[in-house]
C-alpha cells in the first residue's frame, strides 16, 4: 500500500530566526485533499560527553516555552549547511567548554513527527579535555557531572524529563553494553 502524501501547495505562515511554520495542501493516498501544518526546523545535535571518570557532562537550563528548568545533554541546532559532527563539536565547546578527541555517531531520531521535520543527531564524545566555554549571547546554563547510573535513575524519578536527553541516555546505555543496533 502506498501511504505517501503528495504536496500540492505550500505556504509559509511564519518565518523566524530559525524555524518556519508551513501550511500545505496535500493529496492523500486515496486521492482526497487535506491540509498539513508543520514546523520546518534545521535539525539539532545532542552530545553524550563521557569523561574519563565515567561521568557525563550535563546541563541545567531554563527553557522558556514550558517556563521551567530542565536537566539536559549539551545540544544545539545545526546551522544551515553545517556538518553534523562540526555542530556537535561546536555545541559541546560553546556550552560546556569541553572538546573531545573521539567522536561516535550513535543515532538519528525524529522527535516531533506529527508537527515538525526536526531530526536529532546523537553523538558520543570521549577523550574529553576542558578548554573554557563560549556561551552564545543570552544563553545561561549550569554545567555539572552525573554518572550514567544516576542519570537513568533521575529519568525514573522524573528529575530528567527532556525527551532528547532520555533518548540519548538510553542509546548510550545500550551502546556501552555492546548493543550494535
Protein backbone atom coordinates (compact mmCIF):
# COMPACT_ATOMS: atom_id res chain seq x y z
CA UNK A 1 0.00 0.00 0.00
CA UNK A 2 1.33 3.44 -0.93
CA UNK A 3 1.00 5.77 2.07
CA UNK A 4 2.75 8.80 0.58
CA UNK A 5 1.06 12.18 0.72
CA UNK A 6 1.90 14.47 -2.21
CA UNK A 7 2.33 18.21 -1.69
CA UNK A 8 0.06 20.30 -3.94
CA UNK A 9 0.66 23.77 -2.47
CA UNK A 10 2.79 25.19 0.32
CA UNK A 11 2.61 28.48 2.17
CA UNK A 12 4.93 29.84 4.85
CA UNK A 13 2.66 31.14 7.61
CA UNK A 14 5.53 32.40 9.80
CA UNK A 15 9.27 32.77 9.30
CA UNK A 16 11.51 33.38 12.31
CA UNK A 17 15.22 33.32 13.03
CA UNK A 18 15.47 29.54 12.66
CA UNK A 19 12.01 28.00 12.27
CA UNK A 20 9.23 28.40 9.75
CA UNK A 21 5.60 27.38 10.10
CA UNK A 22 4.14 25.90 6.91
CA UNK A 23 0.60 25.11 5.81
CA UNK A 24 0.50 22.72 2.89
CA UNK A 25 -2.26 21.26 0.78
CA UNK A 26 -1.66 17.56 0.09
CA UNK A 27 -3.19 14.74 -1.89
CA UNK A 28 -3.78 11.69 0.32
CA UNK A 29 -3.22 8.10 -0.86
CA UNK A 30 -6.95 7.74 -1.56
CA UNK A 31 -6.97 10.90 -3.73
CA UNK A 32 -8.65 13.17 -1.16
CA UNK A 33 -7.19 16.61 -0.40
CA UNK A 34 -6.12 17.60 3.14
CA UNK A 35 -4.06 20.29 4.82
CA UNK A 36 -0.90 19.79 6.86
CA UNK A 37 0.61 22.34 9.23
CA UNK A 38 4.16 21.83 10.44
CA UNK A 39 7.31 23.48 11.68
CA UNK A 40 10.36 23.40 9.42
CA UNK A 41 13.41 23.07 11.69
CA UNK A 42 17.09 22.81 10.65
CA UNK A 43 17.75 19.84 12.92
CA UNK A 44 19.83 19.53 16.06
CA UNK A 45 22.54 17.52 17.75
CA UNK A 46 22.83 16.13 21.27
CA UNK A 47 26.17 15.16 22.79
CA UNK A 48 26.80 12.42 25.32
CA UNK A 49 30.15 13.68 26.62
CA UNK A 50 31.72 10.86 28.65
CA UNK A 51 34.51 12.00 30.95
CA UNK A 52 37.48 9.77 31.86
CA UNK A 53 35.94 9.20 35.32
CA UNK A 54 32.85 7.69 33.64
CA UNK A 55 30.56 10.64 34.35
CA UNK A 56 28.56 12.53 31.76
CA UNK A 57 28.70 16.26 31.18
CA UNK A 58 25.17 17.54 31.82
CA UNK A 59 23.44 20.92 31.84
CA UNK A 60 20.72 22.61 33.86
CA UNK A 61 18.93 25.22 31.79
CA UNK A 62 15.73 27.28 31.91
CA UNK A 63 13.52 26.70 28.87
CA UNK A 64 11.11 29.49 28.05
CA UNK A 65 8.20 27.67 26.32
CA UNK A 66 7.42 25.36 29.30
CA UNK A 67 8.61 28.01 31.80
CA UNK A 68 10.89 25.75 33.84
CA UNK A 69 14.38 24.38 34.26
CA UNK A 70 15.47 21.10 32.70
CA UNK A 71 18.40 18.74 33.11
CA UNK A 72 19.74 18.09 29.61
CA UNK A 73 22.54 16.84 27.45
CA UNK A 74 24.59 19.50 25.68
CA UNK A 75 22.73 20.14 22.44
CA UNK A 76 22.05 22.71 19.76
CA UNK A 77 20.70 23.41 16.32
CA UNK A 78 22.50 22.63 13.10
CA UNK A 79 23.41 25.80 11.22
CA UNK A 80 22.46 25.89 7.52
CA UNK A 81 24.87 23.71 5.55
CA UNK A 82 26.88 22.74 8.64
CA UNK A 83 28.25 19.22 9.00
CA UNK A 84 26.54 17.47 11.95
CA UNK A 85 29.84 16.45 13.57
CA UNK A 86 31.05 20.06 13.42
CA UNK A 87 27.75 21.12 15.01
CA UNK A 88 28.28 18.63 17.85
CA UNK A 89 31.86 19.79 18.39
CA UNK A 90 30.82 23.46 18.34
CA UNK A 91 27.94 22.99 20.76
CA UNK A 92 29.99 20.95 23.22
CA UNK A 93 32.69 23.63 23.33
CA UNK A 94 30.31 26.61 23.42
CA UNK A 95 28.04 25.25 26.14
CA UNK A 96 30.42 23.28 28.34
CA UNK A 97 33.97 24.31 27.47
CA UNK A 98 34.91 20.73 26.62
CA UNK A 99 36.47 19.29 23.48
CA UNK A 100 36.65 15.60 22.61
CA UNK A 101 39.35 13.57 20.90
CA UNK A 102 36.99 10.77 19.89
CA UNK A 103 33.51 11.02 18.36
CA UNK A 104 30.96 8.31 17.56
CA UNK A 105 27.61 8.91 15.88
CA UNK A 106 25.03 6.90 17.86
CA UNK A 107 21.67 7.56 16.22
CA UNK A 108 19.32 9.82 14.30
CA UNK A 109 15.81 10.29 15.68
CA UNK A 110 12.79 12.35 14.69
CA UNK A 111 11.36 13.73 17.96
CA UNK A 112 8.20 15.53 16.78
CA UNK A 113 6.98 13.76 13.62
CA UNK A 114 3.38 14.91 13.99
CA UNK A 115 4.15 18.62 13.68
CA UNK A 116 7.83 19.18 12.79
CA UNK A 117 10.51 17.92 10.41
CA UNK A 118 13.26 18.27 13.05
CA UNK A 119 15.79 15.48 13.31
CA UNK A 120 18.10 14.89 16.28
CA UNK A 121 21.64 13.56 15.73
CA UNK A 122 23.22 11.86 18.77
CA UNK A 123 26.98 11.72 19.29
CA UNK A 124 29.14 10.05 21.92
CA UNK A 125 32.19 12.17 22.76
CA UNK A 126 35.19 10.65 24.58
CA UNK A 127 38.75 11.69 25.49
CA UNK A 128 37.39 14.92 26.89
CA UNK A 129 39.50 17.94 27.88
CA UNK A 130 38.38 21.31 29.17
CA UNK A 131 39.26 24.47 27.21
CA UNK A 132 36.76 27.03 28.52
CA UNK A 133 33.23 27.60 27.32
CA UNK A 134 31.94 30.29 24.98
CA UNK A 135 28.20 30.63 25.59
CA UNK A 136 26.08 32.33 22.96
CA UNK A 137 24.72 35.77 23.88
CA UNK A 138 21.62 35.33 26.03
CA UNK A 139 22.48 31.71 26.90
CA UNK A 140 22.63 30.82 30.60
CA UNK A 141 23.20 27.32 31.90
CA UNK A 142 24.90 25.35 34.65
CA UNK A 143 27.29 22.53 33.69
CA UNK A 144 27.79 19.55 36.01
CA UNK A 145 28.85 15.89 36.03
CA UNK A 146 26.48 12.97 36.54
CA UNK A 147 27.02 9.23 36.33
CA UNK A 148 25.02 7.28 33.76
CA UNK A 149 23.53 5.16 36.56
CA UNK A 150 22.34 8.30 38.37
CA UNK A 151 21.09 9.84 35.13
CA UNK A 152 18.96 6.76 34.38
CA UNK A 153 17.66 6.88 37.97
CA UNK A 154 16.82 10.57 37.52
CA UNK A 155 14.79 9.61 34.44
CA UNK A 156 12.89 7.03 36.53
CA UNK A 157 12.28 9.65 39.24
CA UNK A 158 11.11 12.27 36.72
CA UNK A 159 14.04 14.57 37.53
CA UNK A 160 15.23 14.21 33.93
CA UNK A 161 12.22 14.50 31.63
CA UNK A 162 13.57 16.14 28.48
CA UNK A 163 12.92 13.66 25.66
CA UNK A 164 16.17 14.23 23.74
CA UNK A 165 18.12 13.58 26.94
CA UNK A 166 16.14 10.45 27.81
CA UNK A 167 16.61 9.05 24.30
CA UNK A 168 20.32 9.87 24.38
CA UNK A 169 20.85 8.26 27.78
CA UNK A 170 19.15 5.05 26.70
CA UNK A 171 21.15 4.97 23.44
CA UNK A 172 24.36 5.42 25.44
CA UNK A 173 23.39 2.70 27.89
CA UNK A 174 22.76 0.26 25.03
CA UNK A 175 25.97 1.28 23.23
CA UNK A 176 28.12 0.80 26.35
CA UNK A 177 26.53 -2.63 26.89
CA UNK A 178 27.67 -3.71 23.42
CA UNK A 179 24.39 -3.34 21.52
CA UNK A 180 25.11 -2.79 17.84
CA UNK A 181 21.61 -1.61 16.75
